[in-house]
Amino acid sequence: NAVFQALQGDRKAIALVTVRVTNKEWDKRLNTDKRFRKRLLQSLAIAAGLESSDRGKAYVLAAINHIVRLNGTAQKDAMKELEKVESIFTVYAKSKSVSKKSGIGIVCCDKLAV
């Protein structure tokens, strides 16, 4: 659980998780534990949406790409999670364009794709 919590905006945690994923430390678990794989993909997708730097997004996408290459069935899960994050940002961006008077800024998320 700490892994998933750490991904919510901590750049060092994102880098460490990416290293563990791309160094194949979790390959066996990612292949056998669908729940773990899904939760990790959810957390990585959220991290991609929250991360403002291109370098940070690159780390996140490297981890997602490794998981997808490792397990072909994970591609659908990855795309589903990335699309969820994108839709949340899209809804938020649309609501912000309606009420510009609030003065709260928005950082739009780039279109995410694997």
C-alpha atoms as a PDB file:
ATOM      1  CA  ASN A   1       0.000   0.000   0.000  1.00  0.00           C
ATOM      2  CA  ALA A   2       2.875   2.369   0.687  1.00  0.00           C
ATOM      3  CA  VAL A   3       3.966   1.983  -2.921  1.00  0.00           C
ATOM      4  CA  PHE A   4       0.608   3.197  -4.194  1.00  0.00           C
ATOM      5  CA  GLN A   5       0.435   6.086  -1.705  1.00  0.00           C
ATOM      6  CA  ALA A   6       3.976   7.174  -2.495  1.00  0.00           C
ATOM      7  CA  LEU A   7       3.186   7.531  -6.181  1.00  0.00           C
ATOM      8  CA  GLN A   8       0.699  10.302  -5.524  1.00  0.00           C
ATOM      9  CA  GLY A   9       3.011  13.170  -6.344  1.00  0.00           C
ATOM     10  CA  ASP A  10       6.395  12.248  -4.858  1.00  0.00           C
ATOM     11  CA  ARG A  11       8.985  12.403  -7.626  1.00  0.00           C
ATOM     12  CA  LYS A  12      11.517  10.274  -5.756  1.00  0.00           C
ATOM     13  CA  ALA A  13       8.878   7.613  -5.179  1.00  0.00           C
ATOM     14  CA  ILE A  14       7.928   7.708  -8.852  1.00  0.00           C
ATOM     15  CA  ALA A  15      11.566   7.222  -9.836  1.00  0.00           C
ATOM     16  CA  LEU A  16      12.090   4.395  -7.337  1.00  0.00           C
ATOM     17  CA  VAL A  17       8.953   2.549  -8.411  1.00  0.00           C
ATOM     18  CA  THR A  18       9.930   2.956 -12.055  1.00  0.00           C
ATOM     19  CA  VAL A  19      13.383   1.555 -11.338  1.00  0.00           C
ATOM     20  CA  ARG A  20      11.887  -1.444  -9.541  1.00  0.00           C
ATOM     21  CA  VAL A  21       9.444  -2.058 -12.381  1.00  0.00           C
ATOM     22  CA  THR A  22      11.964  -1.630 -15.206  1.00  0.00           C
ATOM     23  CA  ASN A  23      14.626  -3.644 -13.342  1.00  0.00           C
ATOM     24  CA  LYS A  24      12.126  -6.501 -13.388  1.00  0.00           C
ATOM     25  CA  GLU A  25      11.996  -6.746  -9.584  1.00  0.00           C
ATOM     26  CA  TRP A  26       8.187  -7.114  -9.647  1.00  0.00           C
ATOM     27  CA  ASP A  27       7.811  -9.066 -12.900  1.00  0.00           C
ATOM     28  CA  LYS A  28       6.695 -12.294 -11.237  1.00  0.00           C
ATOM     29  CA  ARG A  29       4.124 -10.510  -9.092  1.00  0.00           C
ATOM     30  CA  LEU A  30       2.916  -8.373 -12.004  1.00  0.00           C
ATOM     31  CA  ASN A  31       2.327 -11.551 -14.025  1.00  0.00           C
ATOM     32  CA  THR A  32       0.587 -13.500 -11.268  1.00  0.00           C
ATOM     33  CA  ASP A  33      -1.225 -10.911  -9.154  1.00  0.00           C
ATOM     34  CA  LYS A  34      -3.819  -9.142 -11.307  1.00  0.00           C
ATOM     35  CA  ARG A  35      -4.999  -6.985  -8.402  1.00  0.00           C
ATOM     36  CA  PHE A  36      -1.452  -5.736  -7.718  1.00  0.00           C
ATOM     37  CA  ARG A  37      -0.917  -5.028 -11.436  1.00  0.00           C
ATOM     38  CA  LYS A  38      -4.211  -3.134 -11.687  1.00  0.00           C
ATOM     39  CA  ARG A  39      -3.521  -1.047  -8.566  1.00  0.00           C
ATOM     40  CA  LEU A  40      -0.011  -0.245  -9.767  1.00  0.00           C
ATOM     41  CA  LEU A  41      -1.348   0.811 -13.175  1.00  0.00           C
ATOM     42  CA  GLN A  42      -4.002   2.964 -11.476  1.00  0.00           C
ATOM     43  CA  SER A  43      -1.381   4.650  -9.320  1.00  0.00           C
ATOM     44  CA  LEU A  44       0.989   5.164 -12.235  1.00  0.00           C
ATOM     45  CA  ALA A  45      -1.816   6.674 -14.339  1.00  0.00           C
ATOM     46  CA  ILE A  46      -2.696   9.089 -11.527  1.00  0.00           C
ATOM     47  CA  ALA A  47       0.991   9.929 -11.090  1.00  0.00           C
ATOM     48  CA  ALA A  48       1.195  10.675 -14.832  1.00  0.00           C
ATOM     49  CA  GLY A  49      -1.729  13.059 -14.489  1.00  0.00           C
ATOM     50  CA  LEU A  50      -0.333  14.796 -11.422  1.00  0.00           C
ATOM     51  CA  GLU A  51       3.245  15.018 -12.624  1.00  0.00           C
ATOM     52  CA  SER A  52       4.039  18.389 -14.158  1.00  0.00           C
ATOM     53  CA  SER A  53       7.517  17.674 -15.506  1.00  0.00           C
ATOM     54  CA  ASP A  54       8.181  15.861 -18.767  1.00  0.00           C
ATOM     55  CA  ARG A  55      10.957  13.880 -17.087  1.00  0.00           C
ATOM     56  CA  GLY A  56       8.592  12.681 -14.384  1.00  0.00           C
ATOM     57  CA  LYS A  57       6.014  11.655 -16.972  1.00  0.00           C
ATOM     58  CA  ALA A  58       8.751   9.833 -18.893  1.00  0.00           C
ATOM     59  CA  TYR A  59       9.535   7.724 -15.808  1.00  0.00           C
ATOM     60  CA  VAL A  60       5.868   6.925 -15.276  1.00  0.00           C
ATOM     61  CA  LEU A  61       5.316   5.991 -18.910  1.00  0.00           C
ATOM     62  CA  ALA A  62       8.482   3.832 -18.884  1.00  0.00           C
ATOM     63  CA  ALA A  63       7.004   1.818 -16.015  1.00  0.00           C
ATOM     64  CA  ILE A  64       3.612   1.533 -17.718  1.00  0.00           C
ATOM     65  CA  ASN A  65       5.258   0.459 -20.984  1.00  0.00           C
ATOM     66  CA  HIS A  66       7.287  -2.212 -19.175  1.00  0.00           C
ATOM     67  CA  ILE A  67       4.145  -3.618 -17.547  1.00  0.00           C
ATOM     68  CA  VAL A  68       2.320  -3.660 -20.894  1.00  0.00           C
ATOM     69  CA  ARG A  69       5.239  -5.411 -22.643  1.00  0.00           C
ATOM     70  CA  LEU A  70       5.494  -7.897 -19.771  1.00  0.00           C
ATOM     71  CA  ASN A  71       1.854  -8.879 -19.831  1.00  0.00           C
ATOM     72  CA  GLY A  72      -0.122  -8.384 -23.032  1.00  0.00           C
ATOM     73  CA  THR A  73      -3.441  -8.325 -21.194  1.00  0.00           C
ATOM     74  CA  ALA A  74      -2.248  -5.303 -19.214  1.00  0.00           C
ATOM     75  CA  GLN A  75      -2.534  -3.000 -22.243  1.00  0.00           C
ATOM     76  CA  LYS A  76      -6.313  -2.750 -21.911  1.00  0.00           C
ATOM     77  CA  ASP A  77      -5.982  -2.054 -18.182  1.00  0.00           C
ATOM     78  CA  ALA A  78      -3.303   0.586 -18.792  1.00  0.00           C
ATOM     79  CA  MET A  79      -5.335   2.383 -21.452  1.00  0.00           C
ATOM     80  CA  LYS A  80      -8.446   2.250 -19.266  1.00  0.00           C
ATOM     81  CA  GLU A  81      -6.603   3.854 -16.337  1.00  0.00           C
ATOM     82  CA  LEU A  82      -4.944   6.516 -18.510  1.00  0.00           C
ATOM     83  CA  GLU A  83      -8.298   7.354 -20.100  1.00  0.00           C
ATOM     84  CA  LYS A  84      -9.895   7.670 -16.633  1.00  0.00           C
ATOM     85  CA  VAL A  85      -7.258  10.192 -15.581  1.00  0.00           C
ATOM     86  CA  GLU A  86      -7.576  12.096 -18.839  1.00  0.00           C
ATOM     87  CA  SER A  87     -11.372  12.258 -18.503  1.00  0.00           C
ATOM     88  CA  ILE A  88     -11.092  13.613 -14.959  1.00  0.00           C
ATOM     89  CA  PHE A  89      -8.788  16.390 -16.158  1.00  0.00           C
ATOM     90  CA  THR A  90     -11.020  17.072 -19.157  1.00  0.00           C
ATOM     91  CA  VAL A  91     -14.106  17.467 -16.974  1.00  0.00           C
ATOM     92  CA  TYR A  92     -12.160  19.719 -14.621  1.00  0.00           C
ATOM     93  CA  ALA A  93     -10.788  21.823 -17.483  1.00  0.00           C
ATOM     94  CA  LYS A  94     -14.277  22.265 -18.930  1.00  0.00           C
ATOM     95  CA  SER A  95     -15.658  23.319 -15.561  1.00  0.00           C
ATOM     96  CA  LYS A  96     -12.819  25.836 -15.218  1.00  0.00           C
ATOM     97  CA  SER A  97     -13.536  27.353 -18.606  1.00  0.00           C
ATOM     98  CA  VAL A  98     -17.133  27.945 -17.522  1.00  0.00           C
ATOM     99  CA  SER A  99     -16.162  29.708 -14.286  1.00  0.00           C
ATOM    100  CA  LYS A 100     -13.014  31.713 -15.047  1.00  0.00           C
ATOM    101  CA  LYS A 101     -13.903  34.232 -12.335  1.00  0.00           C
ATOM    102  CA  SER A 102     -12.763  31.909  -9.540  1.00  0.00           C
ATOM    103  CA  GLY A 103      -9.100  32.774 -10.105  1.00  0.00           C
ATOM    104  CA  ILE A 104      -7.909  29.218  -9.514  1.00  0.00           C
ATOM    105  CA  GLY A 105      -5.388  28.126 -12.136  1.00  0.00           C
ATOM    106  CA  ILE A 106      -5.316  24.776 -13.860  1.00  0.00           C
ATOM    107  CA  VAL A 107      -2.403  22.805 -15.216  1.00  0.00           C
ATOM    108  CA  CYS A 108      -3.774  20.839 -18.147  1.00  0.00           C
ATOM    109  CA  CYS A 109      -2.610  17.311 -18.506  1.00  0.00           C
ATOM    110  CA  ASP A 110      -1.084  16.378 -21.857  1.00  0.00           C
ATOM    111  CA  LYS A 111      -2.829  13.687 -23.806  1.00  0.00           C
ATOM    112  CA  LEU A 112      -1.523  10.490 -22.319  1.00  0.00           C
ATOM    113  CA  ALA A 113      -0.900   7.433 -24.418  1.00  0.00           C
ATOM    114  CA  VAL A 114       1.084   4.268 -24.096  1.00  0.00           C
END
